[in-house]
Protein backbone atom coordinates (compact mmCIF):
# COMPACT_ATOMS: atom_id res chain seq x y z
CA UNK A 1 -16.52 92.08 -24.29
CA UNK A 2 -19.52 91.89 -21.98
CA UNK A 3 -23.08 91.13 -22.97
CA UNK A 4 -25.50 93.97 -23.60
CA UNK A 5 -29.30 93.86 -23.69
CA UNK A 6 -29.47 94.76 -27.40
CA UNK A 7 -28.44 92.43 -30.24
CA UNK A 8 -25.19 92.91 -32.18
CA UNK A 9 -25.53 95.33 -35.06
CA UNK A 10 -28.07 97.57 -33.33
CA UNK A 11 -28.87 101.24 -33.83
CA UNK A 12 -30.80 103.64 -31.63
CA UNK A 13 -31.69 107.32 -31.45
CA UNK A 14 -30.41 109.97 -29.08
CA UNK A 15 -33.87 111.06 -27.97
CA UNK A 16 -35.35 114.17 -29.54
CA UNK A 17 -37.29 114.29 -32.80
CA UNK A 18 -39.10 117.07 -34.68
CA UNK A 19 -42.84 117.61 -34.56
CA UNK A 20 -45.55 117.53 -31.90
CA UNK A 21 -47.37 114.22 -32.51
CA UNK A 22 -45.94 111.73 -30.03
CA UNK A 23 -47.91 108.77 -31.40
CA UNK A 24 -46.43 109.39 -34.84
CA UNK A 25 -42.93 109.77 -33.34
CA UNK A 26 -43.23 106.47 -31.46
CA UNK A 27 -44.34 104.70 -34.64
CA UNK A 28 -41.35 106.18 -36.46
CA UNK A 29 -38.92 104.94 -33.81
CA UNK A 30 -40.33 101.43 -33.68
CA UNK A 31 -40.44 101.28 -37.47
CA UNK A 32 -36.88 102.46 -38.12
CA UNK A 33 -35.14 101.16 -34.98
CA UNK A 34 -36.93 97.88 -34.22
CA UNK A 35 -33.99 96.23 -32.42
CA UNK A 36 -33.35 99.08 -29.97
CA UNK A 37 -36.21 101.63 -29.85
CA UNK A 38 -36.35 104.60 -27.52
CA UNK A 39 -38.94 106.91 -26.03
CA UNK A 40 -38.93 109.98 -28.32
CA UNK A 41 -38.81 113.53 -26.98
CA UNK A 42 -40.58 116.35 -28.84
CA UNK A 43 -39.28 119.77 -27.66
CA UNK A 44 -41.31 121.56 -30.35
CA UNK A 45 -44.34 121.23 -28.07
CA UNK A 46 -42.90 124.01 -25.93
CA UNK A 47 -42.08 124.51 -22.24
CA UNK A 48 -42.09 121.25 -20.33
CA UNK A 49 -41.14 119.26 -23.40
CA UNK A 50 -37.66 120.78 -23.48
CA UNK A 51 -34.76 118.79 -22.05
CA UNK A 52 -34.53 120.78 -18.79
CA UNK A 53 -38.26 121.00 -18.12
CA UNK A 54 -38.68 117.31 -18.88
CA UNK A 55 -35.81 116.43 -16.56
CA UNK A 56 -37.10 118.66 -13.80
CA UNK A 57 -40.49 116.95 -14.06
CA UNK A 58 -38.84 113.82 -12.65
CA UNK A 59 -37.63 115.55 -9.49
CA UNK A 60 -39.38 114.57 -6.25
CA UNK A 61 -40.33 117.33 -3.80
CA UNK A 62 -38.29 119.94 -5.69
CA UNK A 63 -40.81 121.90 -7.77
CA UNK A 64 -39.71 124.18 -10.60
CA UNK A 65 -41.35 126.94 -12.60
CA UNK A 66 -40.45 128.66 -15.84
CA UNK A 67 -39.13 132.23 -15.45
CA UNK A 68 -37.99 134.64 -18.19
CA UNK A 69 -34.41 133.53 -17.48
CA UNK A 70 -35.24 129.81 -17.53
CA UNK A 71 -36.33 127.09 -15.12
CA UNK A 72 -36.09 127.94 -11.41
CA UNK A 73 -36.79 126.13 -8.15
CA UNK A 74 -39.93 127.41 -6.42
CA UNK A 75 -41.83 126.73 -3.20
CA UNK A 76 -44.82 124.93 -4.71
CA UNK A 77 -45.75 123.30 -8.04
CA UNK A 78 -47.33 125.54 -10.67
CA UNK A 79 -48.77 125.30 -14.14
CA UNK A 80 -45.40 124.83 -15.88
CA UNK A 81 -44.47 121.79 -13.83
CA UNK A 82 -47.95 120.31 -14.23
CA UNK A 83 -47.63 120.73 -17.98
CA UNK A 84 -44.22 119.03 -18.05
CA UNK A 85 -45.50 116.06 -16.06
CA UNK A 86 -48.65 115.82 -18.16
CA UNK A 87 -46.59 115.73 -21.37
CA UNK A 88 -44.39 112.97 -20.00
CA UNK A 89 -47.42 110.94 -18.91
CA UNK A 90 -48.96 111.29 -22.37
CA UNK A 91 -45.70 110.18 -23.95
CA UNK A 92 -45.60 107.08 -21.78
CA UNK A 93 -49.22 106.31 -22.68
CA UNK A 94 -48.34 106.49 -26.38
CA UNK A 95 -45.27 104.33 -25.85
CA UNK A 96 -47.25 101.74 -23.90
CA UNK A 97 -49.82 101.50 -26.67
CA UNK A 98 -47.26 101.17 -29.46
CA UNK A 99 -45.08 98.73 -27.51
CA UNK A 100 -47.88 96.37 -26.54
CA UNK A 101 -46.28 92.92 -26.37
CA UNK A 102 -42.79 94.24 -27.08
CA UNK A 103 -39.94 92.24 -25.55
CA UNK A 104 -36.46 93.64 -25.91
CA UNK A 105 -34.29 96.63 -25.03
CA UNK A 106 -36.08 99.94 -24.61
CA UNK A 107 -34.16 103.17 -24.01
CA UNK A 108 -35.47 106.14 -22.07
CA UNK A 109 -33.60 109.40 -21.57
CA UNK A 110 -33.36 111.72 -18.59
CA UNK A 111 -31.42 114.91 -17.99
CA UNK A 112 -28.44 114.18 -15.78
CA UNK A 113 -27.88 115.76 -12.36
CA UNK A 114 -25.02 118.05 -13.40
CA UNK A 115 -26.82 119.40 -16.45
CA UNK A 116 -29.84 120.16 -14.27
CA UNK A 117 -27.62 121.72 -11.59
CA UNK A 118 -25.82 123.82 -14.19
CA UNK A 119 -29.07 125.05 -15.73
CA UNK A 120 -31.88 125.29 -13.15
CA UNK A 121 -31.74 128.44 -10.99
CA UNK A 122 -32.03 128.72 -7.24
CA UNK A 123 -34.55 131.11 -5.70
CA UNK A 124 -31.94 133.88 -5.61
CA UNK A 125 -31.03 133.51 -9.27
CA UNK A 126 -27.69 131.68 -9.55
CA UNK A 127 -27.59 128.14 -10.89
CA UNK A 128 -28.01 125.31 -8.41
CA UNK A 129 -24.45 124.15 -9.08
CA UNK A 130 -23.23 127.15 -7.06
CA UNK A 131 -24.66 125.62 -3.85
CA UNK A 132 -23.32 122.20 -2.75
CA UNK A 133 -26.35 121.65 -0.53
CA UNK A 134 -28.72 122.31 -3.44
CA UNK A 135 -26.69 119.95 -5.63
CA UNK A 136 -26.96 117.21 -3.01
CA UNK A 137 -30.72 117.68 -2.69
CA UNK A 138 -31.13 117.70 -6.47
CA UNK A 139 -29.18 114.46 -6.88
CA UNK A 140 -31.20 112.66 -4.22
CA UNK A 141 -34.46 113.98 -5.66
CA UNK A 142 -33.55 112.92 -9.20
CA UNK A 143 -32.44 109.49 -8.01
CA UNK A 144 -35.81 108.90 -6.36
CA UNK A 145 -37.66 110.27 -9.38
CA UNK A 146 -35.82 107.94 -11.72
CA UNK A 147 -36.54 104.94 -9.49
CA UNK A 148 -40.23 105.72 -9.80
CA UNK A 149 -39.95 106.45 -13.53
CA UNK A 150 -38.24 103.16 -14.36
CA UNK A 151 -40.69 101.23 -12.16
CA UNK A 152 -43.60 102.86 -14.05
CA UNK A 153 -42.11 101.90 -17.41
CA UNK A 154 -41.61 98.31 -16.27
CA UNK A 155 -45.20 98.16 -15.08
CA UNK A 156 -46.43 99.42 -18.43
CA UNK A 157 -44.08 97.27 -20.55
CA UNK A 158 -43.13 94.19 -18.53
CA UNK A 159 -41.34 92.54 -21.47
CA UNK A 160 -38.93 95.43 -22.01
CA UNK A 161 -35.38 95.62 -20.72
CA UNK A 162 -35.04 99.25 -19.68
CA UNK A 163 -31.90 101.14 -20.70
CA UNK A 164 -31.54 104.51 -18.95
CA UNK A 165 -29.55 107.21 -20.76
CA UNK A 166 -28.54 110.25 -18.73
CA UNK A 167 -27.96 113.32 -20.88
CA UNK A 168 -25.06 115.42 -19.59
CA UNK A 169 -24.21 118.15 -22.15
CA UNK A 170 -23.41 120.70 -19.40
CA UNK A 171 -21.21 118.43 -17.27
CA UNK A 172 -17.96 119.40 -19.07
CA UNK A 173 -18.71 123.07 -18.32
CA UNK A 174 -19.32 122.23 -14.65
CA UNK A 175 -15.89 120.57 -14.50
CA UNK A 176 -14.23 123.44 -16.35
CA UNK A 177 -15.82 126.23 -14.30
CA UNK A 178 -17.47 127.79 -17.34
CA UNK A 179 -21.13 127.80 -16.24
CA UNK A 180 -22.17 131.49 -16.38
CA UNK A 181 -23.36 133.38 -13.33
CA UNK A 182 -26.84 134.88 -13.19
CA UNK A 183 -25.49 138.24 -14.35
CA UNK A 184 -23.73 136.68 -17.31
CA UNK A 185 -20.55 138.62 -16.52
CA UNK A 186 -18.71 135.82 -14.79
CA UNK A 187 -18.61 132.08 -14.33
CA UNK A 188 -19.30 129.83 -11.37
CA UNK A 189 -16.46 127.95 -9.71
CA UNK A 190 -15.57 124.55 -11.10
CA UNK A 191 -16.80 121.52 -9.18
CA UNK A 192 -14.06 119.09 -8.19
CA UNK A 193 -13.90 115.96 -10.30
CA UNK A 194 -14.45 113.49 -7.41
CA UNK A 195 -17.62 115.36 -6.45
CA UNK A 196 -18.92 115.31 -10.02
CA UNK A 197 -18.18 111.61 -10.30
CA UNK A 198 -19.88 110.83 -6.99
CA UNK A 199 -22.99 112.81 -7.89
CA UNK A 200 -23.33 111.08 -11.24
CA UNK A 201 -22.71 107.67 -9.67
CA UNK A 202 -25.52 108.19 -7.17
CA UNK A 203 -28.05 108.81 -9.93
CA UNK A 204 -26.80 106.06 -12.25
CA UNK A 205 -27.01 103.57 -9.38
CA UNK A 206 -30.52 104.63 -8.35
CA UNK A 207 -32.21 102.06 -10.59
CA UNK A 208 -31.30 98.65 -11.93
CA UNK A 209 -31.86 99.84 -15.50
CA UNK A 210 -28.88 99.41 -17.83
CA UNK A 211 -26.94 102.69 -17.32
CA UNK A 212 -25.66 104.90 -20.16
CA UNK A 213 -24.40 108.47 -20.38
CA UNK A 214 -24.74 110.71 -23.42
CA UNK A 215 -22.64 113.82 -23.99
CA UNK A 216 -22.33 115.45 -27.39
CA UNK A 217 -20.18 118.32 -26.10
CA UNK A 218 -16.53 118.59 -27.07
CA UNK A 219 -14.04 116.69 -24.90
CA UNK A 220 -16.51 114.53 -22.96
CA UNK A 221 -14.91 113.13 -19.77
CA UNK A 222 -15.29 109.51 -20.84
CA UNK A 223 -13.21 108.02 -18.03
CA UNK A 224 -15.34 109.88 -15.47
CA UNK A 225 -18.56 108.52 -17.00
CA UNK A 226 -17.17 105.01 -16.88
CA UNK A 227 -15.90 105.39 -13.30
CA UNK A 228 -19.36 106.62 -12.27
CA UNK A 229 -20.91 103.38 -13.50
CA UNK A 230 -21.92 103.97 -17.12
CA UNK A 231 -21.96 100.75 -19.12
CA UNK A 232 -22.50 102.60 -22.38
CA UNK A 233 -20.94 105.85 -23.61
CA UNK A 234 -22.86 107.88 -26.19
CA UNK A 235 -20.70 110.39 -28.07
CA UNK A 236 -20.65 112.44 -31.26
CA UNK A 237 -18.01 110.87 -33.51
CA UNK A 238 -17.29 114.29 -34.99
CA UNK A 239 -16.32 115.66 -31.56
CA UNK A 240 -13.83 112.92 -30.75
CA UNK A 241 -10.14 113.76 -30.82
CA UNK A 242 -7.11 111.46 -31.00
CA UNK A 243 -6.43 112.00 -27.29
CA UNK A 244 -9.87 110.50 -26.54
CA UNK A 245 -8.74 107.17 -28.00
CA UNK A 246 -7.09 105.91 -24.83
CA UNK A 247 -10.21 106.47 -22.72
CA UNK A 248 -12.41 104.94 -25.42
CA UNK A 249 -10.13 101.94 -25.80
CA UNK A 250 -10.00 101.27 -22.07
CA UNK A 251 -13.77 101.51 -21.85
CA UNK A 252 -14.37 99.09 -24.70
CA UNK A 253 -11.73 96.70 -23.31
CA UNK A 254 -13.67 96.72 -20.02
CA UNK A 255 -16.90 95.77 -21.81
CA UNK A 256 -18.46 99.24 -21.99
CA UNK A 257 -20.53 99.75 -25.14
CA UNK A 258 -19.68 102.62 -27.48
CA UNK A 259 -22.70 104.41 -28.92
CA UNK A 260 -21.15 106.22 -31.84
CA UNK A 261 -22.91 109.29 -33.25
CA UNK A 262 -21.98 108.53 -36.84
CA UNK A 263 -24.83 110.20 -38.78
CA UNK A 264 -25.10 114.03 -38.87
CA UNK A 265 -28.09 115.33 -36.91
CA UNK A 266 -28.54 118.41 -39.10
CA UNK A 267 -28.48 118.98 -42.83
CA UNK A 268 -30.59 118.09 -45.80
CA UNK A 269 -28.67 115.38 -47.63
CA UNK A 270 -26.80 112.42 -46.23
CA UNK A 271 -23.64 111.05 -47.73
CA UNK A 272 -23.84 107.55 -49.19
CA UNK A 273 -24.19 104.53 -46.90
CA UNK A 274 -20.71 103.29 -47.74
CA UNK A 275 -19.22 106.54 -46.44
CA UNK A 276 -21.06 106.26 -43.13
CA UNK A 277 -20.00 102.65 -42.67
CA UNK A 278 -16.40 103.52 -43.52
CA UNK A 279 -16.39 106.29 -40.92
CA UNK A 280 -17.41 103.88 -38.15
CA UNK A 281 -14.82 101.34 -39.26
CA UNK A 282 -12.11 104.00 -39.29
CA UNK A 283 -12.84 104.93 -35.68
CA UNK A 284 -12.82 101.27 -34.65
CA UNK A 285 -9.55 100.52 -36.42
CA UNK A 286 -7.97 103.55 -34.76
CA UNK A 287 -8.81 102.02 -31.41
CA UNK A 288 -6.99 98.85 -32.44
CA UNK A 289 -9.73 96.27 -31.87
CA UNK A 290 -10.65 93.19 -33.88
CA UNK A 291 -13.15 94.16 -36.64
CA UNK A 292 -15.15 91.04 -35.82
CA UNK A 293 -16.09 92.61 -32.47
CA UNK A 294 -17.32 95.91 -33.89
CA UNK A 295 -21.01 95.05 -34.28
CA UNK A 296 -21.13 93.69 -30.73
CA UNK A 297 -19.40 96.66 -29.09
CA UNK A 298 -20.77 99.59 -31.11
CA UNK A 299 -24.31 100.93 -31.38
CA UNK A 300 -24.83 103.39 -34.25
CA UNK A 301 -26.69 106.61 -33.42
CA UNK A 302 -27.24 110.09 -34.82
CA UNK A 303 -24.55 112.58 -33.84
CA UNK A 304 -27.01 114.29 -31.47
CA UNK A 305 -30.72 114.91 -31.05
CA UNK A 306 -32.91 115.53 -34.09
CA UNK A 307 -35.27 118.19 -32.71
CA UNK A 308 -34.23 120.81 -35.30
CA UNK A 309 -34.22 118.44 -38.28
CA UNK A 310 -37.01 118.29 -40.82
CA UNK A 311 -39.30 115.26 -40.39
CA UNK A 312 -38.02 113.79 -43.66
CA UNK A 313 -34.39 114.23 -42.65
CA UNK A 314 -35.01 112.77 -39.19
CA UNK A 315 -36.54 109.66 -40.73
CA UNK A 316 -33.62 109.37 -43.14
CA UNK A 317 -31.12 109.67 -40.27
CA UNK A 318 -32.75 106.90 -38.24
CA UNK A 319 -32.92 104.68 -41.30
CA UNK A 320 -29.26 105.37 -42.06
CA UNK A 321 -28.31 104.40 -38.51
CA UNK A 322 -30.16 101.10 -38.89
CA UNK A 323 -28.65 100.40 -42.32
CA UNK A 324 -25.15 101.21 -41.09
CA UNK A 325 -25.47 98.91 -38.09
CA UNK A 326 -26.77 96.11 -40.29
CA UNK A 327 -23.90 96.54 -42.76
CA UNK A 328 -21.38 96.35 -39.93
CA UNK A 329 -22.99 93.17 -38.64
CA UNK A 330 -23.20 91.46 -42.02
CA UNK A 331 -19.69 92.40 -43.17
CA UNK A 332 -17.57 93.06 -40.08
CA UNK A 333 -14.25 92.90 -41.89
CA UNK A 334 -15.23 95.45 -44.54
């Protein structure tokens, strides 16, 4: 097992939370996840706060605008891009204020290059993933944007160890050739696996932040994420299948951290704490590792983002993640 910047028995969030008050969201995160807080995302604020608009706001010299069909590359920045960048700046201001004097791991999230390429449209209407040249430009632009973003966070919070999570929910569809065309009547050609890996590697390597990849889609390509340089894999435990065990086991054996989405992101009532803890232990035992290593190798998270949850449920989920991680640390053998 390799060392990670968070302490054993940690929990963190995926990113999104309900509501529109970022100061309140930051207080919630630091209150419920004090060992491994993250910058919250609040999509309920509208365009520019959504995962694609927020990710596109980090691109350098590749402006986007919101069209009826979604985000699209345009010739010059407009009001939608300015709004997205303004929201992100406000969020960082709120984080800086709440984290004054904080020293420890701090996670920030960004939309990955393949999810942006599979979602943002070119001028002519098809997704950027249909054009290898556009994909290359997007990856380079995002890499530069993330370098600046991480540098800004370090300037604001010099005591924090930055962990960068790339969100790649669309990447499996890019590999499978199931991204729809502009007309919706067909799908775009699959991108070859070595090209997907290389594009993700370029962005993960763009900063010296601790690199993680999150994918809550079914059948996440875990070995590809690891080969591209991810040192943490964030997955929905409910989406894992027995044939994922080999990739998970190899990753953990190599010192890659497993961020296990063990607490449902939607619903109204959680099961008891003992049931959540048992679910994590069952996954770990299936992988065949020593229970004493669980709290060091596994970070407990919600199954996915909490944007559609009620505020009360979101708070309960984050608290459950923290309580589960603590229980695993205090009683590793179960």
